[in-house]
């Protein structure tokens, strides 16, 4: 029998692939240095402009990525649309949330027309290009999970949930129901988690993201808590004297040690890093409302959210 010899097409890639391998001693690499997620603030002046455009709240330089992001899996943006003008948005996200900061108009989404006005919120799965048109000076807070798709190197092709729309009236009424139900009780939160029936396990707005419409009553404090999802917080309503205290550790009484203060400015946003303790404070005589958008849908599914509350919660 004649021996067979591999031809050029039969040659293996073992040597070529093997030379790229690396080895680390476990203790030196099990918890590698990662870019720090800091407490960043984005003031409302960013969307009080004349030009119609998208304003990404981009921290890619800080987080050392080649793509735009505000946190490892989320990108927040302000959008400004001048009266009578229109603007398209397009992304390869699997989830996106729009909150109307001010104004009125409509959006065309995959042959559907959605009217919107100040205080409305809508959540969308993967879509084609969305056309937004403003009948008056308008602004959005827009958060999507495109950075997660970029990290994974994928583009979604199947919607994972149905679109949802919440009017300002509905949000206000539901929040008031919770407030009345909590009167006289030692409740630390007066908030409503916005949920999608297509996400029954996680009970979140989309399969990757959640939004909490959270009331902070006048002259009140919401005690410290922490979670492993990043929070991209938008101040819906706030006056001077409303703020969040953020820090890594608690003392024995449940107070944050050496906290950083992030003031709520209506129409502005700030980042609460994952894993950090944070408490909300309202020293004013007016109610305040904050809208955090988080990657908590993903963390809930992975069972890594790990919400914890300070003693006495």
C-alpha atoms as a PDB file:
ATOM      1  CA  UNK A   1       0.000   0.000   0.000  1.00  0.00           C
ATOM      2  CA  UNK A   2       1.364   3.380  -0.892  1.00  0.00           C
ATOM      3  CA  UNK A   3       1.676   5.894   1.947  1.00  0.00           C
ATOM      4  CA  UNK A   4      -0.362   9.075   1.546  1.00  0.00           C
ATOM      5  CA  UNK A   5       1.130  12.438   2.221  1.00  0.00           C
ATOM      6  CA  UNK A   6      -0.826  15.586   3.137  1.00  0.00           C
ATOM      7  CA  UNK A   7      -1.183  18.090   0.367  1.00  0.00           C
ATOM      8  CA  UNK A   8      -1.108  21.829   0.936  1.00  0.00           C
ATOM      9  CA  UNK A   9      -4.845  21.788   1.415  1.00  0.00           C
ATOM     10  CA  UNK A  10      -4.483  19.091   4.084  1.00  0.00           C
ATOM     11  CA  UNK A  11      -2.021  21.066   6.221  1.00  0.00           C
ATOM     12  CA  UNK A  12      -3.237  21.934   9.712  1.00  0.00           C
ATOM     13  CA  UNK A  13      -3.438  25.279  11.473  1.00  0.00           C
ATOM     14  CA  UNK A  14      -2.292  23.921  14.839  1.00  0.00           C
ATOM     15  CA  UNK A  15       1.082  25.666  14.896  1.00  0.00           C
ATOM     16  CA  UNK A  16      -0.340  28.976  13.687  1.00  0.00           C
ATOM     17  CA  UNK A  17      -3.136  29.012  16.248  1.00  0.00           C
ATOM     18  CA  UNK A  18      -1.031  27.707  19.094  1.00  0.00           C
ATOM     19  CA  UNK A  19       1.496  30.525  18.937  1.00  0.00           C
ATOM     20  CA  UNK A  20      -1.184  33.062  19.909  1.00  0.00           C
ATOM     21  CA  UNK A  21      -1.974  31.347  23.212  1.00  0.00           C
ATOM     22  CA  UNK A  22      -1.240  33.066  26.524  1.00  0.00           C
ATOM     23  CA  UNK A  23      -0.894  31.792  30.075  1.00  0.00           C
ATOM     24  CA  UNK A  24      -1.397  33.640  33.368  1.00  0.00           C
ATOM     25  CA  UNK A  25      -0.825  32.480  36.908  1.00  0.00           C
ATOM     26  CA  UNK A  26      -4.314  32.296  38.404  1.00  0.00           C
ATOM     27  CA  UNK A  27      -3.869  34.843  41.176  1.00  0.00           C
ATOM     28  CA  UNK A  28      -2.444  37.439  38.803  1.00  0.00           C
ATOM     29  CA  UNK A  29      -5.320  37.366  36.320  1.00  0.00           C
ATOM     30  CA  UNK A  30      -8.456  36.040  38.020  1.00  0.00           C
ATOM     31  CA  UNK A  31      -9.498  39.606  38.825  1.00  0.00           C
ATOM     32  CA  UNK A  32      -7.901  41.686  36.050  1.00  0.00           C
ATOM     33  CA  UNK A  33      -7.662  45.442  36.064  1.00  0.00           C
ATOM     34  CA  UNK A  34     -10.711  46.897  34.347  1.00  0.00           C
ATOM     35  CA  UNK A  35     -11.388  50.531  33.444  1.00  0.00           C
ATOM     36  CA  UNK A  36     -13.079  52.337  36.322  1.00  0.00           C
ATOM     37  CA  UNK A  37     -16.763  53.159  35.967  1.00  0.00           C
ATOM     38  CA  UNK A  38     -17.001  56.563  37.610  1.00  0.00           C
ATOM     39  CA  UNK A  39     -19.794  58.865  38.745  1.00  0.00           C
ATOM     40  CA  UNK A  40     -20.292  60.989  35.643  1.00  0.00           C
ATOM     41  CA  UNK A  41     -22.762  63.866  35.293  1.00  0.00           C
ATOM     42  CA  UNK A  42     -24.425  65.101  32.083  1.00  0.00           C
ATOM     43  CA  UNK A  43     -26.147  68.491  32.509  1.00  0.00           C
ATOM     44  CA  UNK A  44     -29.335  69.518  30.665  1.00  0.00           C
ATOM     45  CA  UNK A  45     -27.462  72.299  28.865  1.00  0.00           C
ATOM     46  CA  UNK A  46     -26.244  69.522  26.559  1.00  0.00           C
ATOM     47  CA  UNK A  47     -29.683  69.253  24.910  1.00  0.00           C
ATOM     48  CA  UNK A  48     -30.696  72.911  25.191  1.00  0.00           C
ATOM     49  CA  UNK A  49     -29.160  73.746  21.840  1.00  0.00           C
ATOM     50  CA  UNK A  50     -30.311  75.076  18.484  1.00  0.00           C
ATOM     51  CA  UNK A  51     -29.094  72.237  16.302  1.00  0.00           C
ATOM     52  CA  UNK A  52     -31.146  69.117  15.647  1.00  0.00           C
ATOM     53  CA  UNK A  53     -28.883  66.203  16.514  1.00  0.00           C
ATOM     54  CA  UNK A  54     -28.052  63.212  18.710  1.00  0.00           C
ATOM     55  CA  UNK A  55     -25.751  63.917  21.660  1.00  0.00           C
ATOM     56  CA  UNK A  56     -24.158  60.645  22.857  1.00  0.00           C
ATOM     57  CA  UNK A  57     -23.210  60.515  26.530  1.00  0.00           C
ATOM     58  CA  UNK A  58     -20.049  58.764  25.456  1.00  0.00           C
ATOM     59  CA  UNK A  59     -17.494  57.423  27.934  1.00  0.00           C
ATOM     60  CA  UNK A  60     -15.623  55.168  25.495  1.00  0.00           C
ATOM     61  CA  UNK A  61     -12.302  56.884  26.150  1.00  0.00           C
ATOM     62  CA  UNK A  62     -12.636  56.278  29.897  1.00  0.00           C
ATOM     63  CA  UNK A  63     -13.816  52.678  29.454  1.00  0.00           C
ATOM     64  CA  UNK A  64     -11.239  51.999  26.743  1.00  0.00           C
ATOM     65  CA  UNK A  65     -13.481  50.760  23.920  1.00  0.00           C
ATOM     66  CA  UNK A  66     -13.528  51.377  20.186  1.00  0.00           C
ATOM     67  CA  UNK A  67     -17.302  51.961  20.229  1.00  0.00           C
ATOM     68  CA  UNK A  68     -19.499  54.511  21.988  1.00  0.00           C
ATOM     69  CA  UNK A  69     -20.948  53.613  25.366  1.00  0.00           C
ATOM     70  CA  UNK A  70     -22.004  55.114  28.692  1.00  0.00           C
ATOM     71  CA  UNK A  71     -21.626  51.840  30.581  1.00  0.00           C
ATOM     72  CA  UNK A  72     -20.295  48.434  29.533  1.00  0.00           C
ATOM     73  CA  UNK A  73     -23.606  47.346  28.009  1.00  0.00           C
ATOM     74  CA  UNK A  74     -25.576  50.582  27.552  1.00  0.00           C
ATOM     75  CA  UNK A  75     -25.340  53.834  25.610  1.00  0.00           C
ATOM     76  CA  UNK A  76     -27.345  56.859  26.752  1.00  0.00           C
ATOM     77  CA  UNK A  77     -27.979  59.840  24.502  1.00  0.00           C
ATOM     78  CA  UNK A  78     -29.744  63.154  24.540  1.00  0.00           C
ATOM     79  CA  UNK A  79     -31.597  63.973  21.339  1.00  0.00           C
ATOM     80  CA  UNK A  80     -32.623  67.492  20.364  1.00  0.00           C
ATOM     81  CA  UNK A  81     -35.089  68.140  17.534  1.00  0.00           C
ATOM     82  CA  UNK A  82     -35.963  71.721  16.679  1.00  0.00           C
ATOM     83  CA  UNK A  83     -39.599  72.623  16.024  1.00  0.00           C
ATOM     84  CA  UNK A  84     -40.731  71.555  12.558  1.00  0.00           C
ATOM     85  CA  UNK A  85     -37.653  69.412  11.973  1.00  0.00           C
ATOM     86  CA  UNK A  86     -37.080  65.683  11.897  1.00  0.00           C
ATOM     87  CA  UNK A  87     -34.261  63.327  12.797  1.00  0.00           C
ATOM     88  CA  UNK A  88     -33.705  59.629  12.129  1.00  0.00           C
ATOM     89  CA  UNK A  89     -32.214  57.270  14.691  1.00  0.00           C
ATOM     90  CA  UNK A  90     -30.730  53.908  13.836  1.00  0.00           C
ATOM     91  CA  UNK A  91     -28.802  51.373  15.903  1.00  0.00           C
ATOM     92  CA  UNK A  92     -28.194  47.629  16.052  1.00  0.00           C
ATOM     93  CA  UNK A  93     -29.501  47.366  19.598  1.00  0.00           C
ATOM     94  CA  UNK A  94     -31.830  44.630  20.811  1.00  0.00           C
ATOM     95  CA  UNK A  95     -33.524  47.063  23.241  1.00  0.00           C
ATOM     96  CA  UNK A  96     -33.992  50.816  23.309  1.00  0.00           C
ATOM     97  CA  UNK A  97     -35.902  53.202  25.540  1.00  0.00           C
ATOM     98  CA  UNK A  98     -37.012  56.743  24.677  1.00  0.00           C
ATOM     99  CA  UNK A  99     -38.194  59.214  27.321  1.00  0.00           C
ATOM    100  CA  UNK A 100     -39.618  62.538  26.100  1.00  0.00           C
ATOM    101  CA  UNK A 101     -37.907  65.294  28.063  1.00  0.00           C
ATOM    102  CA  UNK A 102     -39.931  68.060  26.440  1.00  0.00           C
ATOM    103  CA  UNK A 103     -41.901  68.880  23.308  1.00  0.00           C
ATOM    104  CA  UNK A 104     -44.308  66.950  21.110  1.00  0.00           C
ATOM    105  CA  UNK A 105     -44.317  65.161  17.793  1.00  0.00           C
ATOM    106  CA  UNK A 106     -44.424  61.674  16.335  1.00  0.00           C
ATOM    107  CA  UNK A 107     -42.129  58.809  15.388  1.00  0.00           C
ATOM    108  CA  UNK A 108     -42.475  56.390  12.491  1.00  0.00           C
ATOM    109  CA  UNK A 109     -41.339  52.920  13.579  1.00  0.00           C
ATOM    110  CA  UNK A 110     -41.467  50.080  11.049  1.00  0.00           C
ATOM    111  CA  UNK A 111     -44.560  51.519   9.287  1.00  0.00           C
ATOM    112  CA  UNK A 112     -46.242  52.445  12.605  1.00  0.00           C
ATOM    113  CA  UNK A 113     -46.829  56.043  13.708  1.00  0.00           C
ATOM    114  CA  UNK A 114     -46.450  56.851  17.405  1.00  0.00           C
ATOM    115  CA  UNK A 115     -47.526  60.244  18.767  1.00  0.00           C
ATOM    116  CA  UNK A 116     -45.606  61.490  21.802  1.00  0.00           C
ATOM    117  CA  UNK A 117     -45.399  64.481  24.112  1.00  0.00           C
ATOM    118  CA  UNK A 118     -43.536  65.551  27.243  1.00  0.00           C
ATOM    119  CA  UNK A 119     -43.279  62.863  29.901  1.00  0.00           C
ATOM    120  CA  UNK A 120     -44.106  59.912  27.644  1.00  0.00           C
ATOM    121  CA  UNK A 121     -41.890  56.823  27.454  1.00  0.00           C
ATOM    122  CA  UNK A 122     -41.668  54.070  24.858  1.00  0.00           C
ATOM    123  CA  UNK A 123     -39.517  50.946  24.545  1.00  0.00           C
ATOM    124  CA  UNK A 124     -38.640  49.247  21.268  1.00  0.00           C
ATOM    125  CA  UNK A 125     -36.939  46.003  20.212  1.00  0.00           C
ATOM    126  CA  UNK A 126     -34.708  45.779  17.157  1.00  0.00           C
ATOM    127  CA  UNK A 127     -36.086  48.076  14.465  1.00  0.00           C
ATOM    128  CA  UNK A 128     -35.122  49.642  11.208  1.00  0.00           C
ATOM    129  CA  UNK A 129     -34.380  53.343  11.029  1.00  0.00           C
ATOM    130  CA  UNK A 130     -36.813  55.388  13.139  1.00  0.00           C
ATOM    131  CA  UNK A 131     -37.974  58.772  11.879  1.00  0.00           C
ATOM    132  CA  UNK A 132     -38.768  61.340  14.584  1.00  0.00           C
ATOM    133  CA  UNK A 133     -40.537  64.611  13.748  1.00  0.00           C
ATOM    134  CA  UNK A 134     -41.129  67.416  16.259  1.00  0.00           C
ATOM    135  CA  UNK A 135     -44.066  69.824  16.123  1.00  0.00           C
ATOM    136  CA  UNK A 136     -42.354  71.956  18.789  1.00  0.00           C
ATOM    137  CA  UNK A 137     -38.892  72.167  20.297  1.00  0.00           C
ATOM    138  CA  UNK A 138     -38.298  68.643  21.611  1.00  0.00           C
ATOM    139  CA  UNK A 139     -35.745  66.502  23.403  1.00  0.00           C
ATOM    140  CA  UNK A 140     -35.413  62.794  24.239  1.00  0.00           C
ATOM    141  CA  UNK A 141     -33.418  60.750  26.691  1.00  0.00           C
ATOM    142  CA  UNK A 142     -32.520  57.670  24.623  1.00  0.00           C
ATOM    143  CA  UNK A 143     -30.838  54.569  26.061  1.00  0.00           C
ATOM    144  CA  UNK A 144     -30.029  51.403  24.115  1.00  0.00           C
ATOM    145  CA  UNK A 145     -28.006  48.214  24.541  1.00  0.00           C
ATOM    146  CA  UNK A 146     -25.922  48.536  21.372  1.00  0.00           C
ATOM    147  CA  UNK A 147     -22.651  48.388  23.396  1.00  0.00           C
ATOM    148  CA  UNK A 148     -23.619  44.897  24.548  1.00  0.00           C
ATOM    149  CA  UNK A 149     -24.119  43.884  20.914  1.00  0.00           C
ATOM    150  CA  UNK A 150     -20.775  45.486  19.989  1.00  0.00           C
ATOM    151  CA  UNK A 151     -18.968  43.613  22.767  1.00  0.00           C
ATOM    152  CA  UNK A 152     -20.476  40.305  21.630  1.00  0.00           C
ATOM    153  CA  UNK A 153     -19.829  41.118  17.974  1.00  0.00           C
ATOM    154  CA  UNK A 154     -23.436  40.468  16.959  1.00  0.00           C
ATOM    155  CA  UNK A 155     -26.387  42.167  15.336  1.00  0.00           C
ATOM    156  CA  UNK A 156     -29.849  41.078  16.506  1.00  0.00           C
ATOM    157  CA  UNK A 157     -32.279  39.874  13.852  1.00  0.00           C
ATOM    158  CA  UNK A 158     -35.301  38.808  15.914  1.00  0.00           C
ATOM    159  CA  UNK A 159     -37.412  41.101  18.129  1.00  0.00           C
ATOM    160  CA  UNK A 160     -37.455  39.741  21.689  1.00  0.00           C
ATOM    161  CA  UNK A 161     -40.488  41.698  22.877  1.00  0.00           C
ATOM    162  CA  UNK A 162     -43.346  43.828  21.644  1.00  0.00           C
ATOM    163  CA  UNK A 163     -43.035  47.625  21.683  1.00  0.00           C
ATOM    164  CA  UNK A 164     -44.477  49.388  24.723  1.00  0.00           C
ATOM    165  CA  UNK A 165     -45.753  52.943  25.217  1.00  0.00           C
ATOM    166  CA  UNK A 166     -46.481  54.676  28.530  1.00  0.00           C
ATOM    167  CA  UNK A 167     -48.137  58.091  28.492  1.00  0.00           C
ATOM    168  CA  UNK A 168     -47.212  60.707  31.067  1.00  0.00           C
ATOM    169  CA  UNK A 169     -50.766  60.469  32.425  1.00  0.00           C
ATOM    170  CA  UNK A 170     -50.461  56.705  32.927  1.00  0.00           C
ATOM    171  CA  UNK A 171     -47.077  57.000  34.636  1.00  0.00           C
ATOM    172  CA  UNK A 172     -48.383  59.751  36.914  1.00  0.00           C
ATOM    173  CA  UNK A 173     -51.530  57.830  37.847  1.00  0.00           C
ATOM    174  CA  UNK A 174     -49.699  54.568  38.566  1.00  0.00           C
ATOM    175  CA  UNK A 175     -47.108  56.384  40.673  1.00  0.00           C
ATOM    176  CA  UNK A 176     -49.865  58.053  42.676  1.00  0.00           C
ATOM    177  CA  UNK A 177     -51.466  54.653  43.337  1.00  0.00           C
ATOM    178  CA  UNK A 178     -48.213  53.383  44.836  1.00  0.00           C
ATOM    179  CA  UNK A 179     -47.799  56.542  46.867  1.00  0.00           C
ATOM    180  CA  UNK A 180     -51.273  56.212  48.386  1.00  0.00           C
ATOM    181  CA  UNK A 181     -50.801  52.507  49.061  1.00  0.00           C
ATOM    182  CA  UNK A 182     -47.585  53.258  50.943  1.00  0.00           C
ATOM    183  CA  UNK A 183     -48.974  56.081  53.087  1.00  0.00           C
ATOM    184  CA  UNK A 184     -48.390  55.408  56.782  1.00  0.00           C
ATOM    185  CA  UNK A 185     -46.091  52.471  56.055  1.00  0.00           C
ATOM    186  CA  UNK A 186     -42.352  52.295  56.529  1.00  0.00           C
ATOM    187  CA  UNK A 187     -41.623  52.037  52.814  1.00  0.00           C
ATOM    188  CA  UNK A 188     -38.292  53.183  51.431  1.00  0.00           C
ATOM    189  CA  UNK A 189     -39.433  53.422  47.822  1.00  0.00           C
ATOM    190  CA  UNK A 190     -42.380  55.026  46.052  1.00  0.00           C
ATOM    191  CA  UNK A 191     -41.639  53.762  42.580  1.00  0.00           C
ATOM    192  CA  UNK A 192     -43.047  51.688  39.747  1.00  0.00           C
ATOM    193  CA  UNK A 193     -41.009  49.261  37.705  1.00  0.00           C
ATOM    194  CA  UNK A 194     -42.121  49.405  34.090  1.00  0.00           C
ATOM    195  CA  UNK A 195     -42.600  45.885  32.790  1.00  0.00           C
ATOM    196  CA  UNK A 196     -43.286  44.062  29.543  1.00  0.00           C
ATOM    197  CA  UNK A 197     -45.570  40.984  29.387  1.00  0.00           C
ATOM    198  CA  UNK A 198     -43.037  39.427  27.002  1.00  0.00           C
ATOM    199  CA  UNK A 199     -40.455  39.360  29.817  1.00  0.00           C
ATOM    200  CA  UNK A 200     -42.308  37.256  32.421  1.00  0.00           C
ATOM    201  CA  UNK A 201     -39.213  35.885  34.155  1.00  0.00           C
ATOM    202  CA  UNK A 202     -37.355  39.159  34.679  1.00  0.00           C
ATOM    203  CA  UNK A 203     -40.458  41.392  34.990  1.00  0.00           C
ATOM    204  CA  UNK A 204     -38.533  44.167  33.246  1.00  0.00           C
ATOM    205  CA  UNK A 205     -39.206  46.705  30.507  1.00  0.00           C
ATOM    206  CA  UNK A 206     -37.148  44.744  27.964  1.00  0.00           C
ATOM    207  CA  UNK A 207     -35.240  41.482  28.179  1.00  0.00           C
ATOM    208  CA  UNK A 208     -31.987  43.397  28.882  1.00  0.00           C
ATOM    209  CA  UNK A 209     -33.096  46.695  30.448  1.00  0.00           C
ATOM    210  CA  UNK A 210     -35.323  47.932  33.241  1.00  0.00           C
ATOM    211  CA  UNK A 211     -36.699  51.360  34.080  1.00  0.00           C
ATOM    212  CA  UNK A 212     -37.944  52.557  37.451  1.00  0.00           C
ATOM    213  CA  UNK A 213     -40.164  55.626  37.671  1.00  0.00           C
ATOM    214  CA  UNK A 214     -39.230  56.640  41.205  1.00  0.00           C
ATOM    215  CA  UNK A 215     -40.836  59.325  43.355  1.00  0.00           C
ATOM    216  CA  UNK A 216     -38.758  61.035  46.049  1.00  0.00           C
ATOM    217  CA  UNK A 217     -41.281  62.985  48.140  1.00  0.00           C
ATOM    218  CA  UNK A 218     -40.486  66.402  49.582  1.00  0.00           C
ATOM    219  CA  UNK A 219     -38.413  66.302  52.775  1.00  0.00           C
ATOM    220  CA  UNK A 220     -37.657  62.597  52.493  1.00  0.00           C
ATOM    221  CA  UNK A 221     -34.750  60.194  52.201  1.00  0.00           C
ATOM    222  CA  UNK A 222     -34.504  56.804  50.535  1.00  0.00           C
ATOM    223  CA  UNK A 223     -31.970  54.686  52.382  1.00  0.00           C
ATOM    224  CA  UNK A 224     -28.893  53.187  50.784  1.00  0.00           C
ATOM    225  CA  UNK A 225     -28.997  50.179  48.490  1.00  0.00           C
ATOM    226  CA  UNK A 226     -26.725  48.629  45.878  1.00  0.00           C
ATOM    227  CA  UNK A 227     -26.954  46.339  42.835  1.00  0.00           C
ATOM    228  CA  UNK A 228     -24.659  44.939  40.177  1.00  0.00           C
ATOM    229  CA  UNK A 229     -26.393  46.704  37.299  1.00  0.00           C
ATOM    230  CA  UNK A 230     -25.192  50.134  36.244  1.00  0.00           C
ATOM    231  CA  UNK A 231     -27.798  52.905  36.632  1.00  0.00           C
ATOM    232  CA  UNK A 232     -28.046  55.666  34.049  1.00  0.00           C
ATOM    233  CA  UNK A 233     -30.200  58.043  36.062  1.00  0.00           C
ATOM    234  CA  UNK A 234     -32.306  60.780  34.466  1.00  0.00           C
ATOM    235  CA  UNK A 235     -33.780  63.502  36.686  1.00  0.00           C
ATOM    236  CA  UNK A 236     -37.362  63.977  35.511  1.00  0.00           C
ATOM    237  CA  UNK A 237     -38.270  66.499  38.211  1.00  0.00           C
ATOM    238  CA  UNK A 238     -36.002  68.120  40.786  1.00  0.00           C
ATOM    239  CA  UNK A 239     -35.200  71.406  42.473  1.00  0.00           C
ATOM    240  CA  UNK A 240     -32.231  72.559  44.530  1.00  0.00           C
ATOM    241  CA  UNK A 241     -31.613  70.276  47.503  1.00  0.00           C
ATOM    242  CA  UNK A 242     -32.288  66.967  45.747  1.00  0.00           C
ATOM    243  CA  UNK A 243     -29.326  64.635  45.362  1.00  0.00           C
ATOM    244  CA  UNK A 244     -27.902  61.113  45.532  1.00  0.00           C
ATOM    245  CA  UNK A 245     -25.027  60.103  47.803  1.00  0.00           C
ATOM    246  CA  UNK A 246     -22.832  57.381  46.283  1.00  0.00           C
ATOM    247  CA  UNK A 247     -19.985  55.387  47.793  1.00  0.00           C
ATOM    248  CA  UNK A 248     -18.347  51.959  47.971  1.00  0.00           C
ATOM    249  CA  UNK A 249     -18.915  51.056  51.616  1.00  0.00           C
ATOM    250  CA  UNK A 250     -21.300  51.440  54.574  1.00  0.00           C
ATOM    251  CA  UNK A 251     -20.559  52.025  58.235  1.00  0.00           C
ATOM    252  CA  UNK A 252     -22.163  50.024  61.033  1.00  0.00           C
ATOM    253  CA  UNK A 253     -25.244  52.276  61.020  1.00  0.00           C
ATOM    254  CA  UNK A 254     -25.941  51.810  57.315  1.00  0.00           C
ATOM    255  CA  UNK A 255     -24.539  55.194  56.266  1.00  0.00           C
ATOM    256  CA  UNK A 256     -22.326  55.549  53.210  1.00  0.00           C
ATOM    257  CA  UNK A 257     -18.647  56.128  54.011  1.00  0.00           C
ATOM    258  CA  UNK A 258     -17.021  59.089  52.213  1.00  0.00           C
ATOM    259  CA  UNK A 259     -19.859  59.488  49.708  1.00  0.00           C
ATOM    260  CA  UNK A 260     -19.806  61.506  46.493  1.00  0.00           C
ATOM    261  CA  UNK A 261     -22.811  63.767  46.015  1.00  0.00           C
ATOM    262  CA  UNK A 262     -24.587  63.765  42.635  1.00  0.00           C
ATOM    263  CA  UNK A 263     -27.136  66.593  42.440  1.00  0.00           C
ATOM    264  CA  UNK A 264     -30.366  66.004  40.582  1.00  0.00           C
ATOM    265  CA  UNK A 265     -30.858  68.666  37.919  1.00  0.00           C
ATOM    266  CA  UNK A 266     -34.134  68.407  36.014  1.00  0.00           C
ATOM    267  CA  UNK A 267     -33.364  67.317  32.470  1.00  0.00           C
ATOM    268  CA  UNK A 268     -29.887  66.063  33.387  1.00  0.00           C
ATOM    269  CA  UNK A 269     -28.439  62.598  33.881  1.00  0.00           C
ATOM    270  CA  UNK A 270     -25.758  60.917  35.969  1.00  0.00           C
ATOM    271  CA  UNK A 271     -24.088  57.515  36.220  1.00  0.00           C
ATOM    272  CA  UNK A 272     -24.322  55.380  39.367  1.00  0.00           C
ATOM    273  CA  UNK A 273     -21.563  52.742  39.102  1.00  0.00           C
ATOM    274  CA  UNK A 274     -22.481  49.064  39.578  1.00  0.00           C
ATOM    275  CA  UNK A 275     -21.915  47.689  43.055  1.00  0.00           C
ATOM    276  CA  UNK A 276     -21.802  51.113  44.760  1.00  0.00           C
ATOM    277  CA  UNK A 277     -24.124  52.009  47.621  1.00  0.00           C
ATOM    278  CA  UNK A 278     -26.401  54.974  46.938  1.00  0.00           C
ATOM    279  CA  UNK A 279     -29.100  56.833  48.874  1.00  0.00           C
ATOM    280  CA  UNK A 280     -31.518  59.480  47.568  1.00  0.00           C
ATOM    281  CA  UNK A 281     -32.220  62.712  49.467  1.00  0.00           C
ATOM    282  CA  UNK A 282     -34.814  65.448  49.011  1.00  0.00           C
ATOM    283  CA  UNK A 283     -34.286  68.462  51.251  1.00  0.00           C
ATOM    284  CA  UNK A 284     -36.647  70.629  49.214  1.00  0.00           C
ATOM    285  CA  UNK A 285     -40.352  71.349  49.676  1.00  0.00           C
ATOM    286  CA  UNK A 286     -41.247  69.810  46.300  1.00  0.00           C
ATOM    287  CA  UNK A 287     -41.516  66.210  45.134  1.00  0.00           C
ATOM    288  CA  UNK A 288     -38.797  64.887  42.825  1.00  0.00           C
ATOM    289  CA  UNK A 289     -38.801  62.072  40.267  1.00  0.00           C
ATOM    290  CA  UNK A 290     -35.874  60.105  38.849  1.00  0.00           C
ATOM    291  CA  UNK A 291     -35.865  57.613  35.975  1.00  0.00           C
ATOM    292  CA  UNK A 292     -32.962  55.159  36.153  1.00  0.00           C
ATOM    293  CA  UNK A 293     -32.417  52.959  33.103  1.00  0.00           C
ATOM    294  CA  UNK A 294     -30.307  49.918  33.952  1.00  0.00           C
ATOM    295  CA  UNK A 295     -28.996  46.710  32.393  1.00  0.00           C
ATOM    296  CA  UNK A 296     -30.851  44.930  35.185  1.00  0.00           C
ATOM    297  CA  UNK A 297     -32.921  42.798  32.824  1.00  0.00           C
ATOM    298  CA  UNK A 298     -29.721  41.079  31.728  1.00  0.00           C
ATOM    299  CA  UNK A 299     -28.420  40.772  35.302  1.00  0.00           C
ATOM    300  CA  UNK A 300     -31.755  39.411  36.533  1.00  0.00           C
ATOM    301  CA  UNK A 301     -31.662  36.728  33.845  1.00  0.00           C
ATOM    302  CA  UNK A 302     -28.050  35.856  34.734  1.00  0.00           C
ATOM    303  CA  UNK A 303     -29.033  35.873  38.461  1.00  0.00           C
ATOM    304  CA  UNK A 304     -26.225  38.323  39.208  1.00  0.00           C
ATOM    305  CA  UNK A 305     -28.252  41.453  40.069  1.00  0.00           C
ATOM    306  CA  UNK A 306     -27.778  40.980  43.837  1.00  0.00           C
ATOM    307  CA  UNK A 307     -29.806  43.929  45.155  1.00  0.00           C
ATOM    308  CA  UNK A 308     -28.899  44.672  48.765  1.00  0.00           C
ATOM    309  CA  UNK A 309     -30.348  47.199  51.198  1.00  0.00           C
ATOM    310  CA  UNK A 310     -28.782  49.001  54.131  1.00  0.00           C
ATOM    311  CA  UNK A 311     -29.827  47.957  57.609  1.00  0.00           C
ATOM    312  CA  UNK A 312     -33.226  49.310  58.584  1.00  0.00           C
ATOM    313  CA  UNK A 313     -34.538  49.381  55.030  1.00  0.00           C
END
